Protein backbone atom coordinates (compact mmCIF):
# COMPACT_ATOMS: atom_id res chain seq x y z
CA MET A 1 -2.88 -65.93 -6.18
CA THR A 2 -5.79 -68.46 -7.84
CA LYS A 3 -8.56 -67.47 -9.90
CA ASP A 4 -11.75 -68.19 -9.20
CA THR A 5 -13.03 -67.76 -12.65
CA LEU A 6 -13.28 -68.63 -16.01
CA SER A 7 -12.89 -64.83 -16.78
CA SER A 8 -10.81 -64.09 -20.16
CA ASP A 9 -12.47 -62.77 -23.21
CA ILE A 10 -15.46 -65.07 -23.49
CA GLN A 11 -17.80 -63.48 -25.59
CA HIS A 12 -17.17 -65.98 -28.46
CA TYR A 13 -17.34 -68.73 -26.33
CA SER A 14 -21.10 -70.36 -26.03
CA LYS A 15 -20.05 -73.98 -25.84
CA PHE A 16 -18.39 -75.63 -23.13
CA GLU A 17 -17.39 -79.31 -21.64
CA ILE A 18 -17.23 -80.79 -18.20
CA LYS A 19 -14.83 -83.76 -17.62
CA VAL A 20 -14.74 -85.64 -14.33
CA ASN A 21 -10.81 -86.52 -13.93
CA ASP A 22 -11.03 -88.63 -11.15
CA LYS A 23 -12.42 -88.58 -7.56
CA LYS A 24 -10.99 -85.16 -6.83
CA TYR A 25 -11.06 -83.25 -9.58
CA LEU A 26 -12.80 -81.89 -12.93
CA THR A 27 -12.04 -79.84 -15.95
CA ILE A 28 -14.51 -77.14 -16.97
CA SER A 29 -13.57 -76.05 -20.92
CA LEU A 30 -15.01 -73.35 -22.65
CA ILE A 31 -14.71 -73.84 -26.71
CA HIS A 32 -14.44 -70.86 -29.02
CA ASP A 33 -17.46 -70.45 -31.75
CA ILE A 34 -15.04 -70.06 -34.50
CA ASP A 35 -11.85 -71.45 -34.10
CA SER A 36 -12.68 -73.84 -31.59
CA THR A 37 -9.63 -73.41 -29.24
CA LYS A 38 -10.49 -74.01 -25.63
CA ILE A 39 -10.02 -72.03 -22.12
CA GLU A 40 -9.62 -75.23 -19.26
CA ARG A 41 -9.74 -75.07 -15.58
CA THR A 42 -9.37 -77.73 -13.47
CA TYR A 43 -11.18 -77.34 -9.83
CA LYS A 44 -11.25 -79.65 -6.84
CA TYR A 45 -14.93 -80.96 -6.16
CA THR A 46 -16.58 -83.03 -3.57
CA VAL A 47 -20.21 -84.89 -3.89
CA GLU A 48 -23.04 -83.67 -1.93
CA ASN A 49 -26.43 -84.61 -2.34
CA ASN A 50 -25.96 -86.29 -6.12
CA SER A 51 -24.26 -82.64 -6.85
CA TYR A 52 -20.73 -81.65 -7.53
CA LEU A 53 -19.36 -78.80 -5.05
CA LEU A 54 -16.70 -76.83 -7.02
CA LYS A 55 -13.57 -76.18 -4.24
CA ASN A 56 -12.79 -73.13 -5.59
CA LYS A 57 -11.57 -70.52 -3.07
CA ASN A 58 -14.84 -69.45 -2.61
CA THR A 59 -14.63 -67.68 0.81
CA LYS A 60 -13.43 -64.12 0.93
CA PRO A 61 -12.93 -61.72 4.22
CA LEU A 62 -14.27 -58.33 4.25
CA LEU A 63 -12.22 -56.54 6.84
CA ILE A 64 -11.78 -58.79 10.07
CA PRO A 65 -14.58 -61.17 9.85
CA TYR A 66 -16.81 -61.69 13.36
CA ILE A 67 -14.76 -58.69 14.81
CA PHE A 68 -15.62 -55.82 12.58
CA GLY A 69 -16.22 -57.50 9.09
CA SER A 70 -17.85 -60.50 7.57
CA LEU A 71 -17.33 -63.25 5.27
CA ASP A 72 -18.35 -63.49 1.57
CA THR A 73 -19.22 -67.31 0.57
CA LYS A 74 -20.19 -68.42 -2.60
CA LYS A 75 -20.52 -72.18 -3.28
CA LEU A 76 -21.24 -73.72 -6.96
CA TYR A 77 -23.30 -76.92 -7.20
CA LEU A 78 -23.23 -78.80 -11.09
CA SER A 79 -25.62 -81.47 -11.14
CA ILE A 80 -27.78 -83.67 -14.37
CA ASP A 81 -31.56 -83.57 -14.52
CA ALA A 82 -33.51 -86.60 -15.90
CA ASP A 83 -33.46 -84.97 -19.28
CA ASN A 84 -29.58 -84.90 -19.69
CA ASN A 85 -29.25 -80.91 -19.05
CA LEU A 86 -26.89 -79.60 -16.77
CA ILE A 87 -28.01 -77.52 -13.65
CA ILE A 88 -25.53 -74.98 -12.08
CA ASN A 89 -27.10 -74.18 -8.22
CA THR A 90 -25.11 -71.09 -6.99
CA VAL A 91 -25.74 -70.30 -3.48
CA GLU A 92 -24.03 -66.60 -1.85
CA SER A 93 -23.99 -65.81 1.51
CA ARG A 94 -22.92 -63.15 3.98
CA SER A 95 -22.17 -63.23 7.53
CA GLY A 96 -20.50 -61.02 10.00
CA ALA A 97 -20.51 -59.50 13.48
CA VAL A 98 -19.18 -56.21 15.32
CA LEU A 99 -17.37 -57.51 18.36
CA LEU A 100 -18.78 -60.80 18.28
CA ILE A 101 -22.11 -59.16 19.92
CA GLY A 102 -23.96 -57.62 17.36
CA PHE A 103 -24.35 -59.80 14.27
CA LEU A 104 -24.27 -57.46 10.94
CA ASP A 105 -26.38 -58.31 7.40
CA TRP A 106 -26.99 -61.80 7.45
CA LYS A 107 -28.17 -63.00 3.67
CA THR A 108 -28.12 -65.78 1.32
CA THR A 109 -29.00 -65.44 -2.00
CA GLN A 110 -29.65 -68.40 -4.58
CA LYS A 111 -29.75 -68.89 -8.25
CA LYS A 112 -30.66 -72.05 -10.90
CA TYR A 113 -29.26 -71.84 -13.97
CA VAL A 114 -30.49 -74.99 -16.59
CA TYR A 115 -28.16 -75.52 -20.00
CA ASN A 116 -29.60 -78.13 -22.41
CA ARG A 117 -27.11 -80.69 -23.82
CA ILE A 118 -25.82 -80.49 -27.32
CA LYS A 119 -26.17 -83.67 -29.20
């Protein structure tokens, strides 16, 4: 099973690095504050509207989607602004139905995070 996160004991990791490896993969590294060790994960990506969309197994079913249940989807977009700061946009949505007739909750939330570049 592939994990969709850089989760670990990350409280002492306040720096990170993103490296584009090739046309399909990029690597995100979390850097430890004290001893500079790294936690690294490699993700597939596509480019959409000058942003990198991570392909990180981000769709999860709840019960039986569109029969009696829903799909939860989370998309993570990475981009750079004019000042070379990192912008991370997350889009989370849930959609579902009961017996393909009555649609359940359909909601979308969007959050934006800006990280200043360290020189």
